[in-house]
Amino acid sequence: MLMTQEKLAELLDVSVKFVSDIELGAKGMSLKTLNRLSQCLLISTDYILYGGDDDELSGILSVIRKCPPEKRKYAEDILKIYVKSVI
């Protein structure tokens, strides 16, 4: 899914210029903004800060984050059952 700087700025409640400055590395951001960015993009803060795909759980976390909050418990339960079945 592509997201414009304008849409991201709106979701983060910051200016488009600030989003541009973050992308260029010209400005940093608060922890609150980092957390909101992580939630908007459905990626971990570790990925934002350190990059790379070396986080083995990022795919699983991404799928769970896409679940509606009220359904996440079901996803967790299904995953627990799966893990028990393969151990």
PDB file of N, CA and C in Angstrom:
ATOM      1  N   MET A   1       0.832  -1.170   0.000  1.00  0.00           N
ATOM      2  CA  MET A   1       0.000   0.000   0.000  1.00  0.00           C
ATOM      3  C   MET A   1       0.883   1.241   0.000  1.00  0.00           C
ATOM      4  N   LEU A   2       0.673   2.105  -0.950  1.00  0.00           N
ATOM      5  CA  LEU A   2       1.415   3.347  -1.017  1.00  0.00           C
ATOM      6  C   LEU A   2       0.720   4.407  -0.182  1.00  0.00           C
ATOM      7  N   MET A   3       1.522   5.230   0.465  1.00  0.00           N
ATOM      8  CA  MET A   3       0.963   6.307   1.263  1.00  0.00           C
ATOM      9  C   MET A   3       1.708   7.585   0.923  1.00  0.00           C
ATOM     10  N   THR A   4       0.965   8.634   0.682  1.00  0.00           N
ATOM     11  CA  THR A   4       1.591   9.920   0.372  1.00  0.00           C
ATOM     12  C   THR A   4       2.109  10.573   1.642  1.00  0.00           C
ATOM     13  N   GLN A   5       3.022  11.507   1.469  1.00  0.00           N
ATOM     14  CA  GLN A   5       3.497  12.276   2.613  1.00  0.00           C
ATOM     15  C   GLN A   5       2.338  13.033   3.254  1.00  0.00           C
ATOM     16  N   GLU A   6       1.434  13.508   2.435  1.00  0.00           N
ATOM     17  CA  GLU A   6       0.289  14.252   2.944  1.00  0.00           C
ATOM     18  C   GLU A   6      -0.574  13.387   3.854  1.00  0.00           C
ATOM     19  N   LYS A   7      -0.869  12.162   3.411  1.00  0.00           N
ATOM     20  CA  LYS A   7      -1.696  11.249   4.207  1.00  0.00           C
ATOM     21  C   LYS A   7      -0.976  10.862   5.495  1.00  0.00           C
ATOM     22  N   LEU A   8       0.320  10.566   5.397  1.00  0.00           N
ATOM     23  CA  LEU A   8       1.079  10.199   6.588  1.00  0.00           C
ATOM     24  C   LEU A   8       1.136  11.360   7.568  1.00  0.00           C
ATOM     25  N   ALA A   9       1.348  12.561   7.063  1.00  0.00           N
ATOM     26  CA  ALA A   9       1.380  13.747   7.928  1.00  0.00           C
ATOM     27  C   ALA A   9       0.047  13.907   8.657  1.00  0.00           C
ATOM     28  N   GLU A  10      -1.037  13.671   7.930  1.00  0.00           N
ATOM     29  CA  GLU A  10      -2.366  13.768   8.543  1.00  0.00           C
ATOM     30  C   GLU A  10      -2.533  12.739   9.655  1.00  0.00           C
ATOM     31  N   LEU A  11      -2.126  11.497   9.389  1.00  0.00           N
ATOM     32  CA  LEU A  11      -2.248  10.432  10.391  1.00  0.00           C
ATOM     33  C   LEU A  11      -1.376  10.691  11.614  1.00  0.00           C
ATOM     34  N   LEU A  12      -0.203  11.289  11.385  1.00  0.00           N
ATOM     35  CA  LEU A  12       0.725  11.563  12.489  1.00  0.00           C
ATOM     36  C   LEU A  12       0.435  12.886  13.188  1.00  0.00           C
ATOM     37  N   ASP A  13      -0.437  13.686  12.581  1.00  0.00           N
ATOM     38  CA  ASP A  13      -0.762  15.016  13.088  1.00  0.00           C
ATOM     39  C   ASP A  13       0.484  15.911  13.123  1.00  0.00           C
ATOM     40  N   VAL A  14       1.218  15.881  12.001  1.00  0.00           N
ATOM     41  CA  VAL A  14       2.406  16.731  11.820  1.00  0.00           C
ATOM     42  C   VAL A  14       2.319  17.354  10.429  1.00  0.00           C
ATOM     43  N   SER A  15       3.233  18.257  10.127  1.00  0.00           N
ATOM     44  CA  SER A  15       3.234  18.892   8.803  1.00  0.00           C
ATOM     45  C   SER A  15       3.876  17.978   7.761  1.00  0.00           C
ATOM     46  N   VAL A  16       3.530  18.239   6.505  1.00  0.00           N
ATOM     47  CA  VAL A  16       4.135  17.505   5.396  1.00  0.00           C
ATOM     48  C   VAL A  16       5.639  17.768   5.375  1.00  0.00           C
ATOM     49  N   LYS A  17       6.042  18.983   5.667  1.00  0.00           N
ATOM     50  CA  LYS A  17       7.469  19.349   5.713  1.00  0.00           C
ATOM     51  C   LYS A  17       8.194  18.495   6.758  1.00  0.00           C
ATOM     52  N   PHE A  18       7.563  18.285   7.904  1.00  0.00           N
ATOM     53  CA  PHE A  18       8.180  17.473   8.947  1.00  0.00           C
ATOM     54  C   PHE A  18       8.363  16.028   8.484  1.00  0.00           C
ATOM     55  N   VAL A  19       7.358  15.475   7.809  1.00  0.00           N
ATOM     56  CA  VAL A  19       7.472  14.113   7.262  1.00  0.00           C
ATOM     57  C   VAL A  19       8.632  14.057   6.277  1.00  0.00           C
ATOM     58  N   SER A  20       8.735  15.049   5.415  1.00  0.00           N
ATOM     59  CA  SER A  20       9.836  15.113   4.452  1.00  0.00           C
ATOM     60  C   SER A  20      11.177  15.181   5.166  1.00  0.00           C
ATOM     61  N   ASP A  21      11.264  16.017   6.188  1.00  0.00           N
ATOM     62  CA  ASP A  21      12.514  16.147   6.951  1.00  0.00           C
ATOM     63  C   ASP A  21      12.901  14.832   7.628  1.00  0.00           C
ATOM     64  N   ILE A  22      11.921  14.102   8.123  1.00  0.00           N
ATOM     65  CA  ILE A  22      12.196  12.800   8.740  1.00  0.00           C
ATOM     66  C   ILE A  22      12.745  11.836   7.687  1.00  0.00           C
ATOM     67  N   GLU A  23      12.089  11.803   6.524  1.00  0.00           N
ATOM     68  CA  GLU A  23      12.539  10.909   5.447  1.00  0.00           C
ATOM     69  C   GLU A  23      13.965  11.224   5.010  1.00  0.00           C
ATOM     70  N   LEU A  24      14.313  12.489   5.000  1.00  0.00           N
ATOM     71  CA  LEU A  24      15.643  12.904   4.565  1.00  0.00           C
ATOM     72  C   LEU A  24      16.693  12.775   5.677  1.00  0.00           C
ATOM     73  N   GLY A  25      16.241  12.490   6.890  1.00  0.00           N
ATOM     74  CA  GLY A  25      17.158  12.398   8.015  1.00  0.00           C
ATOM     75  C   GLY A  25      17.568  13.751   8.549  1.00  0.00           C
ATOM     76  N   ALA A  26      16.852  14.786   8.149  1.00  0.00           N
ATOM     77  CA  ALA A  26      17.184  16.149   8.585  1.00  0.00           C
ATOM     78  C   ALA A  26      16.656  16.437   9.986  1.00  0.00           C
ATOM     79  N   LYS A  27      15.634  15.696  10.407  1.00  0.00           N
ATOM     80  CA  LYS A  27      15.046  15.898  11.733  1.00  0.00           C
ATOM     81  C   LYS A  27      14.782  14.553  12.374  1.00  0.00           C
ATOM     82  N   GLY A  28      14.776  14.573  13.682  1.00  0.00           N
ATOM     83  CA  GLY A  28      14.395  13.394  14.447  1.00  0.00           C
ATOM     84  C   GLY A  28      12.938  13.514  14.845  1.00  0.00           C
ATOM     85  N   MET A  29      12.475  12.560  15.618  1.00  0.00           N
ATOM     86  CA  MET A  29      11.084  12.613  16.065  1.00  0.00           C
ATOM     87  C   MET A  29      10.995  12.152  17.504  1.00  0.00           C
ATOM     88  N   SER A  30       9.914  12.528  18.145  1.00  0.00           N
ATOM     89  CA  SER A  30       9.680  12.119  19.528  1.00  0.00           C
ATOM     90  C   SER A  30       9.306  10.640  19.566  1.00  0.00           C
ATOM     91  N   LEU A  31       9.365  10.060  20.739  1.00  0.00           N
ATOM     92  CA  LEU A  31       8.946   8.663  20.899  1.00  0.00           C
ATOM     93  C   LEU A  31       7.463   8.504  20.575  1.00  0.00           C
ATOM     94  N   LYS A  32       6.666   9.511  20.926  1.00  0.00           N
ATOM     95  CA  LYS A  32       5.238   9.468  20.621  1.00  0.00           C
ATOM     96  C   LYS A  32       5.014   9.402  19.103  1.00  0.00           C
ATOM     97  N   THR A  33       5.744  10.228  18.356  1.00  0.00           N
ATOM     98  CA  THR A  33       5.618  10.220  16.901  1.00  0.00           C
ATOM     99  C   THR A  33       6.146   8.915  16.328  1.00  0.00           C
ATOM    100  N   LEU A  34       7.247   8.415  16.864  1.00  0.00           N
ATOM    101  CA  LEU A  34       7.791   7.124  16.414  1.00  0.00           C
ATOM    102  C   LEU A  34       6.765   6.014  16.613  1.00  0.00           C
ATOM    103  N   ASN A  35       6.115   6.006  17.751  1.00  0.00           N
ATOM    104  CA  ASN A  35       5.105   4.994  18.033  1.00  0.00           C
ATOM    105  C   ASN A  35       3.927   5.111  17.064  1.00  0.00           C
ATOM    106  N   ARG A  36       3.467   6.331  16.823  1.00  0.00           N
ATOM    107  CA  ARG A  36       2.363   6.531  15.874  1.00  0.00           C
ATOM    108  C   ARG A  36       2.775   6.109  14.466  1.00  0.00           C
ATOM    109  N   LEU A  37       4.011   6.430  14.074  1.00  0.00           N
ATOM    110  CA  LEU A  37       4.508   6.036  12.762  1.00  0.00           C
ATOM    111  C   LEU A  37       4.503   4.513  12.628  1.00  0.00           C
ATOM    112  N   SER A  38       4.971   3.844  13.661  1.00  0.00           N
ATOM    113  CA  SER A  38       4.978   2.381  13.679  1.00  0.00           C
ATOM    114  C   SER A  38       3.574   1.826  13.503  1.00  0.00           C
ATOM    115  N   GLN A  39       2.613   2.383  14.189  1.00  0.00           N
ATOM    116  CA  GLN A  39       1.230   1.916  14.098  1.00  0.00           C
ATOM    117  C   GLN A  39       0.632   2.216  12.726  1.00  0.00           C
ATOM    118  N   CYS A  40       0.911   3.395  12.186  1.00  0.00           N
ATOM    119  CA  CYS A  40       0.369   3.766  10.867  1.00  0.00           C
ATOM    120  C   CYS A  40       0.907   2.858   9.764  1.00  0.00           C
ATOM    121  N   LEU A  41       2.189   2.516   9.852  1.00  0.00           N
ATOM    122  CA  LEU A  41       2.822   1.728   8.803  1.00  0.00           C
ATOM    123  C   LEU A  41       2.772   0.226   9.068  1.00  0.00           C
ATOM    124  N   LEU A  42       2.254  -0.149  10.236  1.00  0.00           N
ATOM    125  CA  LEU A  42       2.165  -1.553  10.643  1.00  0.00           C
ATOM    126  C   LEU A  42       3.524  -2.243  10.613  1.00  0.00           C
ATOM    127  N   ILE A  43       4.535  -1.533  11.116  1.00  0.00           N
ATOM    128  CA  ILE A  43       5.881  -2.107  11.240  1.00  0.00           C
ATOM    129  C   ILE A  43       6.413  -1.787  12.628  1.00  0.00           C
ATOM    130  N   SER A  44       7.393  -2.536  13.058  1.00  0.00           N
ATOM    131  CA  SER A  44       7.920  -2.342  14.402  1.00  0.00           C
ATOM    132  C   SER A  44       8.788  -1.090  14.478  1.00  0.00           C
ATOM    133  N   THR A  45       8.891  -0.570  15.685  1.00  0.00           N
ATOM    134  CA  THR A  45       9.797   0.564  15.891  1.00  0.00           C
ATOM    135  C   THR A  45      11.238   0.135  15.647  1.00  0.00           C
ATOM    136  N   ASP A  46      11.563  -1.108  15.949  1.00  0.00           N
ATOM    137  CA  ASP A  46      12.914  -1.614  15.674  1.00  0.00           C
ATOM    138  C   ASP A  46      13.216  -1.544  14.183  1.00  0.00           C
ATOM    139  N   TYR A  47      12.240  -1.894  13.363  1.00  0.00           N
ATOM    140  CA  TYR A  47      12.443  -1.836  11.913  1.00  0.00           C
ATOM    141  C   TYR A  47      12.665  -0.395  11.461  1.00  0.00           C
ATOM    142  N   ILE A  48      11.893   0.529  12.025  1.00  0.00           N
ATOM    143  CA  ILE A  48      12.063   1.946  11.671  1.00  0.00           C
ATOM    144  C   ILE A  48      13.449   2.424  12.080  1.00  0.00           C
ATOM    145  N   LEU A  49      13.877   2.058  13.270  1.00  0.00           N
ATOM    146  CA  LEU A  49      15.160   2.543  13.788  1.00  0.00           C
ATOM    147  C   LEU A  49      16.367   1.841  13.179  1.00  0.00           C
ATOM    148  N   TYR A  50      16.257   0.532  12.960  1.00  0.00           N
ATOM    149  CA  TYR A  50      17.424  -0.241  12.559  1.00  0.00           C
ATOM    150  C   TYR A  50      17.333  -0.824  11.153  1.00  0.00           C
ATOM    151  N   GLY A  51      16.111  -0.853  10.591  1.00  0.00           N
ATOM    152  CA  GLY A  51      15.928  -1.352   9.234  1.00  0.00           C
ATOM    153  C   GLY A  51      16.130  -2.850   9.134  1.00  0.00           C
ATOM    154  N   GLY A  52      16.141  -3.332   7.899  1.00  0.00           N
ATOM    155  CA  GLY A  52      16.408  -4.741   7.644  1.00  0.00           C
ATOM    156  C   GLY A  52      15.226  -5.639   7.914  1.00  0.00           C
ATOM    157  N   ASP A  53      15.331  -6.832   7.389  1.00  0.00           N
ATOM    158  CA  ASP A  53      14.299  -7.844   7.579  1.00  0.00           C
ATOM    159  C   ASP A  53      14.794  -8.979   8.460  1.00  0.00           C
ATOM    160  N   ASP A  54      15.787  -8.701   9.305  1.00  0.00           N
ATOM    161  CA  ASP A  54      16.360  -9.767  10.106  1.00  0.00           C
ATOM    162  C   ASP A  54      15.523 -10.100  11.332  1.00  0.00           C
ATOM    163  N   ASP A  55      14.446  -9.397  11.557  1.00  0.00           N
ATOM    164  CA  ASP A  55      13.562  -9.729  12.659  1.00  0.00           C
ATOM    165  C   ASP A  55      12.696 -10.906  12.236  1.00  0.00           C
ATOM    166  N   GLU A  56      12.964 -12.058  12.796  1.00  0.00           N
ATOM    167  CA  GLU A  56      12.276 -13.282  12.405  1.00  0.00           C
ATOM    168  C   GLU A  56      10.779 -13.229  12.654  1.00  0.00           C
ATOM    169  N   LEU A  57      10.340 -12.400  13.569  1.00  0.00           N
ATOM    170  CA  LEU A  57       8.932 -12.364  13.932  1.00  0.00           C
ATOM    171  C   LEU A  57       8.165 -11.258  13.233  1.00  0.00           C
ATOM    172  N   SER A  58       8.827 -10.464  12.419  1.00  0.00           N
ATOM    173  CA  SER A  58       8.165  -9.299  11.827  1.00  0.00           C
ATOM    174  C   SER A  58       6.962  -9.697  10.975  1.00  0.00           C
ATOM    175  N   GLY A  59       7.044 -10.800  10.244  1.00  0.00           N
ATOM    176  CA  GLY A  59       5.917 -11.245   9.426  1.00  0.00           C
ATOM    177  C   GLY A  59       4.720 -11.634  10.268  1.00  0.00           C
ATOM    178  N   ILE A  60       4.968 -12.374  11.329  1.00  0.00           N
ATOM    179  CA  ILE A  60       3.891 -12.794  12.221  1.00  0.00           C
ATOM    180  C   ILE A  60       3.270 -11.579  12.895  1.00  0.00           C
ATOM    181  N   LEU A  61       4.110 -10.673  13.386  1.00  0.00           N
ATOM    182  CA  LEU A  61       3.599  -9.480  14.047  1.00  0.00           C
ATOM    183  C   LEU A  61       2.798  -8.609  13.091  1.00  0.00           C
ATOM    184  N   SER A  62       3.251  -8.519  11.863  1.00  0.00           N
ATOM    185  CA  SER A  62       2.537  -7.722  10.869  1.00  0.00           C
ATOM    186  C   SER A  62       1.139  -8.280  10.629  1.00  0.00           C
ATOM    187  N   VAL A  63       1.025  -9.598  10.530  1.00  0.00           N
ATOM    188  CA  VAL A  63      -0.284 -10.226  10.321  1.00  0.00           C
ATOM    189  C   VAL A  63      -1.185  -9.977  11.523  1.00  0.00           C
ATOM    190  N   ILE A  64      -0.660 -10.142  12.716  1.00  0.00           N
ATOM    191  CA  ILE A  64      -1.464  -9.954  13.929  1.00  0.00           C
ATOM    192  C   ILE A  64      -1.893  -8.495  14.060  1.00  0.00           C
ATOM    193  N   ARG A  65      -1.004  -7.569  13.731  1.00  0.00           N
ATOM    194  CA  ARG A  65      -1.356  -6.147  13.820  1.00  0.00           C
ATOM    195  C   ARG A  65      -2.474  -5.766  12.860  1.00  0.00           C
ATOM    196  N   LYS A  66      -2.597  -6.492  11.769  1.00  0.00           N
ATOM    197  CA  LYS A  66      -3.654  -6.197  10.804  1.00  0.00           C
ATOM    198  C   LYS A  66      -5.022  -6.686  11.279  1.00  0.00           C
ATOM    199  N   CYS A  67      -5.020  -7.567  12.270  1.00  0.00           N
ATOM    200  CA  CYS A  67      -6.282  -8.057  12.818  1.00  0.00           C
ATOM    201  C   CYS A  67      -6.950  -6.936  13.617  1.00  0.00           C
ATOM    202  N   PRO A  68      -8.275  -6.886  13.567  1.00  0.00           N
ATOM    203  CA  PRO A  68      -8.957  -5.924  14.441  1.00  0.00           C
ATOM    204  C   PRO A  68      -8.587  -6.231  15.893  1.00  0.00           C
ATOM    205  N   PRO A  69      -8.407  -5.219  16.719  1.00  0.00           N
ATOM    206  CA  PRO A  69      -7.975  -5.448  18.109  1.00  0.00           C
ATOM    207  C   PRO A  69      -8.811  -6.485  18.850  1.00  0.00           C
ATOM    208  N   GLU A  70     -10.115  -6.497  18.609  1.00  0.00           N
ATOM    209  CA  GLU A  70     -10.971  -7.436  19.330  1.00  0.00           C
ATOM    210  C   GLU A  70     -10.795  -8.881  18.857  1.00  0.00           C
ATOM    211  N   LYS A  71     -10.103  -9.084  17.732  1.00  0.00           N
ATOM    212  CA  LYS A  71      -9.884 -10.432  17.190  1.00  0.00           C
ATOM    213  C   LYS A  71      -8.459 -10.934  17.417  1.00  0.00           C
ATOM    214  N   ARG A  72      -7.574 -10.093  17.930  1.00  0.00           N
ATOM    215  CA  ARG A  72      -6.166 -10.479  18.095  1.00  0.00           C
ATOM    216  C   ARG A  72      -5.985 -11.646  19.056  1.00  0.00           C
ATOM    217  N   LYS A  73      -6.835 -11.723  20.057  1.00  0.00           N
ATOM    218  CA  LYS A  73      -6.744 -12.829  21.018  1.00  0.00           C
ATOM    219  C   LYS A  73      -6.959 -14.159  20.304  1.00  0.00           C
ATOM    220  N   TYR A  74      -7.871 -14.187  19.340  1.00  0.00           N
ATOM    221  CA  TYR A  74      -8.113 -15.413  18.575  1.00  0.00           C
ATOM    222  C   TYR A  74      -6.875 -15.801  17.763  1.00  0.00           C
ATOM    223  N   ALA A  75      -6.249 -14.811  17.149  1.00  0.00           N
ATOM    224  CA  ALA A  75      -5.033 -15.074  16.374  1.00  0.00           C
ATOM    225  C   ALA A  75      -3.938 -15.631  17.290  1.00  0.00           C
ATOM    226  N   GLU A  76      -3.818 -15.061  18.477  1.00  0.00           N
ATOM    227  CA  GLU A  76      -2.824 -15.549  19.442  1.00  0.00           C
ATOM    228  C   GLU A  76      -3.133 -16.996  19.836  1.00  0.00           C
ATOM    229  N   ASP A  77      -4.397 -17.287  20.102  1.00  0.00           N
ATOM    230  CA  ASP A  77      -4.789 -18.645  20.489  1.00  0.00           C
ATOM    231  C   ASP A  77      -4.487 -19.652  19.374  1.00  0.00           C
ATOM    232  N   ILE A  78      -4.792 -19.276  18.134  1.00  0.00           N
ATOM    233  CA  ILE A  78      -4.523 -20.160  16.989  1.00  0.00           C
ATOM    234  C   ILE A  78      -3.022 -20.417  16.865  1.00  0.00           C
ATOM    235  N   LEU A  79      -2.226 -19.368  17.021  1.00  0.00           N
ATOM    236  CA  LEU A  79      -0.778 -19.523  16.929  1.00  0.00           C
ATOM    237  C   LEU A  79      -0.247 -20.428  18.038  1.00  0.00           C
ATOM    238  N   LYS A  80      -0.774 -20.277  19.243  1.00  0.00           N
ATOM    239  CA  LYS A  80      -0.352 -21.139  20.362  1.00  0.00           C
ATOM    240  C   LYS A  80      -0.680 -22.607  20.074  1.00  0.00           C
ATOM    241  N   ILE A  81      -1.847 -22.850  19.533  1.00  0.00           N
ATOM    242  CA  ILE A  81      -2.244 -24.226  19.203  1.00  0.00           C
ATOM    243  C   ILE A  81      -1.317 -24.791  18.131  1.00  0.00           C
ATOM    244  N   TYR A  82      -1.013 -23.982  17.119  1.00  0.00           N
ATOM    245  CA  TYR A  82      -0.110 -24.425  16.058  1.00  0.00           C
ATOM    246  C   TYR A  82       1.269 -24.786  16.633  1.00  0.00           C
ATOM    247  N   VAL A  83       1.807 -23.920  17.462  1.00  0.00           N
ATOM    248  CA  VAL A  83       3.143 -24.156  18.028  1.00  0.00           C
ATOM    249  C   VAL A  83       3.148 -25.438  18.852  1.00  0.00           C
ATOM    250  N   LYS A  84       2.103 -25.645  19.652  1.00  0.00           N
ATOM    251  CA  LYS A  84       2.004 -26.872  20.451  1.00  0.00           C
ATOM    252  C   LYS A  84       1.976 -28.114  19.550  1.00  0.00           C
ATOM    253  N   SER A  85       1.338 -27.995  18.392  1.00  0.00           N
ATOM    254  CA  SER A  85       1.200 -29.164  17.506  1.00  0.00           C
ATOM    255  C   SER A  85       2.505 -29.531  16.795  1.00  0.00           C
ATOM    256  N   VAL A  86       3.431 -28.584  16.672  1.00  0.00           N
ATOM    257  CA  VAL A  86       4.667 -28.876  15.950  1.00  0.00           C
ATOM    258  C   VAL A  86       5.864 -29.084  16.873  1.00  0.00           C
ATOM    259  N   ILE A  87       5.667 -28.903  18.155  1.00  0.00           N
ATOM    260  CA  ILE A  87       6.787 -29.101  19.102  1.00  0.00           C
ATOM    261  C   ILE A  87       6.826 -30.535  19.559  1.00  0.00           C
TER     262      ILE A  87
END
